Amino acid sequence: MREGGKRVGFSLRTLDGEQGVLAHIDYPGRYQVGRYGVDLSLFEALAFPVLERGLREQELIVIDEIGRMELFSRRCEEMVIRIIDQDEQHLLGVIHQGREPFTASIKTRGSVEVIAVSHANRNNLPAQIIRRFSGR
């Protein structure tokens, strides 16, 4: 989210059109990333119904991103593990590069394929990801 050319926050949008403000410079509170206060209750209210439905319907689940703001939620960590542990489930997730213990543990799981995004590969990644999830 930008105002006057400066970042003031981050929005959360589900693919079915729900949205809200995940973090903002004007949010006080317990959960902070840099100068942004994080609205954990909004995150959980919007994200978890969609993720639960994806688990039930065995759809491809896309999470952009699994980062510091999202990981204030213990439920988020539990949900990501539930999704990864489902044999029939497919997860496409963007995960931050930091060395936070939870995300580091995800990256080392045998069932997880990590693709680092770089300037050299970023234009070819969409086709590669489509091939990966379509079985071609």
Foldseek 3Di string as FASTA:
>chain_A
DDDPRDDFFDKDADPVGDIDTQWGLPDDDDDDDVSIDGDQVVCCVPPVVVLVVCVVVQHEAEEEEAEDSNVVDPVSLVSVVVQLPDPSHHYHYHYDPDPDPSVVVVPPDPSDDDDDDDPVCPVVVVVVVCCVVVVD
